[in-house]
Amino acid sequence: MNELFEISIYHYLFVGIFLVLTGIFGTVISKNIFKVLISLVLMFSGIILNFAVFSAYNFSEPYKGSIFALFIIALVTLQIAVGTALTINIYKFKKNTDTDTIGELKG
């Protein structure tokens, strides 16, 4: 009965891959910049989860994946801060956050 409820590395990897694929799908489909940023956060969350799982299950160098995951968390935080600031400035000038209308190079 314990084998039925045992969580292995494959369960974590499945959740990580699901997060990455959901983020890719949301990035491709959505037209709002804020939704694209949230989808990018989902993608990076899946990547961070995979690094943390590989770090937890690798006994020869247990902290290498965790340090890399912390580095990715710092980069994602900076990306969201800069992306949100750019989106707010674009909204001030264009009064719109749709990716289709922002991509045009008309004044």
N, C-alpha and C. Protein backbone atom coordinates (compact mmCIF):
# COMPACT_ATOMS: atom_id res chain seq x y z
N MET A 1 0.82 -1.20 0.00
CA MET A 1 0.00 0.00 0.00
C MET A 1 0.86 1.26 0.00
N ASN A 2 2.06 1.19 0.60
CA ASN A 2 2.94 2.35 0.60
C ASN A 2 3.46 2.68 -0.79
N GLU A 3 3.64 1.67 -1.65
CA GLU A 3 4.12 1.91 -2.99
C GLU A 3 3.13 2.71 -3.82
N LEU A 4 1.86 2.63 -3.45
CA LEU A 4 0.83 3.35 -4.18
C LEU A 4 0.94 4.85 -3.95
N PHE A 5 1.32 5.25 -2.77
CA PHE A 5 1.37 6.67 -2.42
C PHE A 5 2.79 7.24 -2.41
N GLU A 6 3.74 6.48 -2.88
CA GLU A 6 5.12 6.95 -2.90
C GLU A 6 5.33 7.92 -4.06
N ILE A 7 5.91 9.06 -3.78
CA ILE A 7 6.18 10.06 -4.80
C ILE A 7 7.63 9.91 -5.24
N SER A 8 7.82 9.67 -6.51
CA SER A 8 9.17 9.46 -7.03
C SER A 8 9.61 10.69 -7.83
N ILE A 9 10.78 10.59 -8.41
CA ILE A 9 11.32 11.70 -9.20
C ILE A 9 10.47 11.95 -10.43
N TYR A 10 9.83 10.92 -10.94
CA TYR A 10 9.03 11.06 -12.15
C TYR A 10 7.80 11.94 -11.93
N HIS A 11 7.24 11.90 -10.75
CA HIS A 11 6.09 12.75 -10.45
C HIS A 11 6.49 14.22 -10.46
N TYR A 12 7.62 14.52 -9.85
CA TYR A 12 8.10 15.90 -9.84
C TYR A 12 8.45 16.38 -11.25
N LEU A 13 9.09 15.51 -12.01
CA LEU A 13 9.45 15.88 -13.38
C LEU A 13 8.22 16.09 -14.25
N PHE A 14 7.19 15.29 -14.02
CA PHE A 14 5.94 15.46 -14.77
C PHE A 14 5.31 16.82 -14.46
N VAL A 15 5.30 17.22 -13.20
CA VAL A 15 4.75 18.53 -12.83
C VAL A 15 5.60 19.65 -13.43
N GLY A 16 6.92 19.49 -13.41
CA GLY A 16 7.80 20.50 -14.00
C GLY A 16 7.60 20.63 -15.49
N ILE A 17 7.48 19.51 -16.19
CA ILE A 17 7.25 19.55 -17.63
C ILE A 17 5.88 20.14 -17.93
N PHE A 18 4.88 19.82 -17.11
CA PHE A 18 3.54 20.40 -17.29
C PHE A 18 3.58 21.91 -17.13
N LEU A 19 4.33 22.41 -16.14
CA LEU A 19 4.45 23.86 -15.96
C LEU A 19 5.15 24.51 -17.15
N VAL A 20 6.19 23.89 -17.64
CA VAL A 20 6.90 24.45 -18.79
C VAL A 20 6.00 24.49 -20.02
N LEU A 21 5.29 23.41 -20.29
CA LEU A 21 4.41 23.37 -21.45
C LEU A 21 3.24 24.33 -21.32
N THR A 22 2.71 24.48 -20.10
CA THR A 22 1.64 25.46 -19.88
C THR A 22 2.15 26.87 -20.12
N GLY A 23 3.36 27.16 -19.68
CA GLY A 23 3.95 28.47 -19.92
C GLY A 23 4.19 28.75 -21.39
N ILE A 24 4.68 27.75 -22.12
CA ILE A 24 4.88 27.92 -23.56
C ILE A 24 3.56 28.16 -24.26
N PHE A 25 2.54 27.39 -23.90
CA PHE A 25 1.22 27.55 -24.50
C PHE A 25 0.65 28.93 -24.20
N GLY A 26 0.78 29.39 -22.96
CA GLY A 26 0.28 30.71 -22.60
C GLY A 26 1.03 31.83 -23.27
N THR A 27 2.33 31.66 -23.47
CA THR A 27 3.12 32.68 -24.15
C THR A 27 2.74 32.79 -25.62
N VAL A 28 2.49 31.67 -26.25
CA VAL A 28 2.15 31.68 -27.67
C VAL A 28 0.72 32.18 -27.90
N ILE A 29 -0.20 31.81 -27.03
CA ILE A 29 -1.61 32.10 -27.25
C ILE A 29 -2.01 33.50 -26.81
N SER A 30 -1.52 33.98 -25.69
CA SER A 30 -2.05 35.21 -25.10
C SER A 30 -1.63 36.45 -25.89
N LYS A 31 -2.49 37.45 -25.84
CA LYS A 31 -2.24 38.71 -26.53
C LYS A 31 -1.94 39.85 -25.57
N ASN A 32 -2.11 39.61 -24.30
CA ASN A 32 -1.85 40.64 -23.30
C ASN A 32 -0.44 40.45 -22.75
N ILE A 33 0.29 41.55 -22.58
CA ILE A 33 1.68 41.44 -22.14
C ILE A 33 1.76 40.88 -20.72
N PHE A 34 0.82 41.25 -19.85
CA PHE A 34 0.85 40.73 -18.48
C PHE A 34 0.65 39.22 -18.47
N LYS A 35 -0.22 38.71 -19.34
CA LYS A 35 -0.40 37.26 -19.43
C LYS A 35 0.85 36.57 -19.96
N VAL A 36 1.55 37.23 -20.87
CA VAL A 36 2.81 36.67 -21.37
C VAL A 36 3.84 36.61 -20.24
N LEU A 37 3.91 37.65 -19.42
CA LEU A 37 4.85 37.66 -18.30
C LEU A 37 4.51 36.56 -17.29
N ILE A 38 3.23 36.37 -17.01
CA ILE A 38 2.82 35.31 -16.09
C ILE A 38 3.15 33.93 -16.68
N SER A 39 2.98 33.78 -17.99
CA SER A 39 3.33 32.51 -18.63
C SER A 39 4.82 32.25 -18.58
N LEU A 40 5.62 33.31 -18.72
CA LEU A 40 7.07 33.14 -18.60
C LEU A 40 7.46 32.72 -17.18
N VAL A 41 6.77 33.27 -16.19
CA VAL A 41 7.02 32.86 -14.80
C VAL A 41 6.68 31.39 -14.61
N LEU A 42 5.58 30.93 -15.22
CA LEU A 42 5.23 29.51 -15.14
C LEU A 42 6.31 28.64 -15.76
N MET A 43 6.82 29.06 -16.92
CA MET A 43 7.88 28.30 -17.57
C MET A 43 9.11 28.19 -16.67
N PHE A 44 9.54 29.31 -16.14
CA PHE A 44 10.72 29.30 -15.29
C PHE A 44 10.47 28.55 -13.98
N SER A 45 9.25 28.55 -13.49
CA SER A 45 8.94 27.77 -12.29
C SER A 45 9.11 26.28 -12.54
N GLY A 46 8.69 25.82 -13.70
CA GLY A 46 8.90 24.42 -14.05
C GLY A 46 10.37 24.08 -14.18
N ILE A 47 11.15 24.99 -14.75
CA ILE A 47 12.59 24.76 -14.88
C ILE A 47 13.25 24.72 -13.51
N ILE A 48 12.85 25.63 -12.64
CA ILE A 48 13.40 25.66 -11.28
C ILE A 48 13.05 24.39 -10.52
N LEU A 49 11.81 23.92 -10.69
CA LEU A 49 11.40 22.69 -10.02
C LEU A 49 12.24 21.51 -10.51
N ASN A 50 12.50 21.44 -11.81
CA ASN A 50 13.33 20.34 -12.33
C ASN A 50 14.75 20.41 -11.80
N PHE A 51 15.34 21.60 -11.73
CA PHE A 51 16.68 21.73 -11.16
C PHE A 51 16.71 21.32 -9.69
N ALA A 52 15.69 21.73 -8.93
CA ALA A 52 15.65 21.39 -7.51
C ALA A 52 15.49 19.88 -7.32
N VAL A 53 14.68 19.24 -8.15
CA VAL A 53 14.49 17.79 -8.05
C VAL A 53 15.77 17.05 -8.39
N PHE A 54 16.43 17.47 -9.47
CA PHE A 54 17.69 16.82 -9.82
C PHE A 54 18.74 17.04 -8.74
N SER A 55 18.70 18.20 -8.09
CA SER A 55 19.62 18.45 -7.00
C SER A 55 19.32 17.56 -5.80
N ALA A 56 18.05 17.35 -5.52
CA ALA A 56 17.66 16.53 -4.37
C ALA A 56 17.98 15.05 -4.59
N TYR A 57 17.87 14.59 -5.83
CA TYR A 57 18.11 13.17 -6.10
C TYR A 57 19.55 12.87 -6.52
N ASN A 58 20.39 13.89 -6.67
CA ASN A 58 21.79 13.68 -6.99
C ASN A 58 22.59 13.76 -5.70
N PHE A 59 23.15 12.64 -5.28
CA PHE A 59 23.83 12.60 -3.99
C PHE A 59 25.32 12.91 -4.09
N SER A 60 25.88 12.94 -5.29
CA SER A 60 27.30 13.22 -5.40
C SER A 60 27.59 14.71 -5.24
N GLU A 61 26.75 15.57 -5.83
CA GLU A 61 26.89 17.02 -5.68
C GLU A 61 25.51 17.59 -5.36
N PRO A 62 25.11 17.58 -4.08
CA PRO A 62 23.72 17.89 -3.75
C PRO A 62 23.32 19.36 -3.88
N TYR A 63 24.28 20.29 -3.89
CA TYR A 63 23.90 21.70 -3.87
C TYR A 63 24.04 22.41 -5.21
N LYS A 64 24.55 21.73 -6.21
CA LYS A 64 24.78 22.38 -7.49
C LYS A 64 23.46 22.81 -8.14
N GLY A 65 22.46 21.97 -8.17
CA GLY A 65 21.16 22.31 -8.75
C GLY A 65 20.43 23.37 -7.96
N SER A 66 20.56 23.35 -6.64
CA SER A 66 19.90 24.35 -5.80
C SER A 66 20.49 25.74 -6.02
N ILE A 67 21.80 25.80 -6.16
CA ILE A 67 22.45 27.10 -6.41
C ILE A 67 22.04 27.62 -7.78
N PHE A 68 21.98 26.74 -8.76
CA PHE A 68 21.55 27.16 -10.09
C PHE A 68 20.09 27.60 -10.08
N ALA A 69 19.25 26.92 -9.28
CA ALA A 69 17.84 27.31 -9.16
C ALA A 69 17.71 28.69 -8.51
N LEU A 70 18.52 28.98 -7.51
CA LEU A 70 18.50 30.31 -6.90
C LEU A 70 18.93 31.38 -7.89
N PHE A 71 19.91 31.08 -8.72
CA PHE A 71 20.35 32.01 -9.75
C PHE A 71 19.22 32.29 -10.73
N ILE A 72 18.48 31.25 -11.12
CA ILE A 72 17.35 31.43 -12.04
C ILE A 72 16.25 32.24 -11.38
N ILE A 73 16.00 32.02 -10.08
CA ILE A 73 14.99 32.80 -9.37
C ILE A 73 15.35 34.28 -9.38
N ALA A 74 16.63 34.60 -9.19
CA ALA A 74 17.05 36.00 -9.22
C ALA A 74 16.85 36.60 -10.62
N LEU A 75 17.18 35.84 -11.65
CA LEU A 75 17.00 36.34 -13.01
C LEU A 75 15.52 36.52 -13.36
N VAL A 76 14.67 35.61 -12.91
CA VAL A 76 13.24 35.73 -13.19
C VAL A 76 12.66 36.94 -12.47
N THR A 77 13.12 37.19 -11.26
CA THR A 77 12.65 38.36 -10.52
C THR A 77 13.02 39.64 -11.25
N LEU A 78 14.25 39.72 -11.74
CA LEU A 78 14.66 40.89 -12.51
C LEU A 78 13.88 41.02 -13.81
N GLN A 79 13.63 39.90 -14.46
CA GLN A 79 12.87 39.92 -15.71
C GLN A 79 11.46 40.43 -15.49
N ILE A 80 10.82 39.99 -14.44
CA ILE A 80 9.45 40.43 -14.17
C ILE A 80 9.42 41.92 -13.79
N ALA A 81 10.41 42.37 -13.03
CA ALA A 81 10.46 43.78 -12.66
C ALA A 81 10.64 44.67 -13.90
N VAL A 82 11.57 44.31 -14.76
CA VAL A 82 11.81 45.10 -15.97
C VAL A 82 10.63 44.98 -16.93
N GLY A 83 10.09 43.80 -17.08
CA GLY A 83 8.93 43.61 -17.97
C GLY A 83 7.71 44.37 -17.50
N THR A 84 7.47 44.40 -16.20
CA THR A 84 6.34 45.16 -15.68
C THR A 84 6.56 46.66 -15.86
N ALA A 85 7.77 47.14 -15.64
CA ALA A 85 8.06 48.56 -15.84
C ALA A 85 7.89 48.95 -17.30
N LEU A 86 8.38 48.11 -18.21
CA LEU A 86 8.19 48.40 -19.64
C LEU A 86 6.72 48.38 -20.04
N THR A 87 5.98 47.43 -19.50
CA THR A 87 4.56 47.34 -19.82
C THR A 87 3.80 48.55 -19.31
N ILE A 88 4.13 49.03 -18.14
CA ILE A 88 3.47 50.23 -17.60
C ILE A 88 3.79 51.44 -18.47
N ASN A 89 5.04 51.57 -18.91
CA ASN A 89 5.40 52.69 -19.79
C ASN A 89 4.72 52.58 -21.15
N ILE A 90 4.63 51.38 -21.68
CA ILE A 90 3.93 51.20 -22.96
C ILE A 90 2.46 51.56 -22.80
N TYR A 91 1.85 51.17 -21.67
CA TYR A 91 0.45 51.49 -21.45
C TYR A 91 0.23 53.00 -21.31
N LYS A 92 1.20 53.72 -20.74
CA LYS A 92 1.08 55.17 -20.63
C LYS A 92 1.02 55.83 -22.00
N PHE A 93 1.83 55.34 -22.94
CA PHE A 93 1.89 55.97 -24.26
C PHE A 93 0.85 55.44 -25.23
N LYS A 94 0.61 54.15 -25.24
CA LYS A 94 -0.28 53.54 -26.23
C LYS A 94 -1.70 53.30 -25.72
N LYS A 95 -1.91 53.32 -24.39
CA LYS A 95 -3.21 53.02 -23.77
C LYS A 95 -3.71 51.63 -24.14
N ASN A 96 -2.77 50.70 -24.35
CA ASN A 96 -3.13 49.35 -24.73
C ASN A 96 -1.97 48.41 -24.37
N THR A 97 -2.31 47.18 -24.00
CA THR A 97 -1.27 46.20 -23.69
C THR A 97 -1.36 44.96 -24.58
N ASP A 98 -2.06 45.06 -25.70
CA ASP A 98 -2.13 43.94 -26.63
C ASP A 98 -0.85 43.86 -27.43
N THR A 99 -0.34 42.66 -27.64
CA THR A 99 0.92 42.50 -28.35
C THR A 99 0.78 42.80 -29.83
N ASP A 100 -0.42 42.64 -30.39
CA ASP A 100 -0.60 42.92 -31.81
C ASP A 100 -0.49 44.41 -32.10
N THR A 101 -1.08 45.24 -31.26
CA THR A 101 -1.06 46.69 -31.52
C THR A 101 0.25 47.33 -31.08
N ILE A 102 0.94 46.75 -30.12
CA ILE A 102 2.20 47.31 -29.65
C ILE A 102 3.30 47.04 -30.67
N GLY A 103 3.24 45.95 -31.38
CA GLY A 103 4.29 45.57 -32.32
C GLY A 103 4.41 46.47 -33.52
N GLU A 104 3.40 47.28 -33.80
CA GLU A 104 3.45 48.18 -34.95
C GLU A 104 4.40 49.33 -34.66
N LEU A 105 5.14 49.76 -35.66
CA LEU A 105 6.12 50.82 -35.49
C LEU A 105 5.59 52.19 -35.89
N LYS A 106 4.30 52.37 -35.77
CA LYS A 106 3.72 53.67 -36.09
C LYS A 106 3.78 54.53 -34.84
N GLY A 107 4.13 55.81 -35.02
CA GLY A 107 4.31 56.76 -33.94
C GLY A 107 3.18 56.81 -33.02
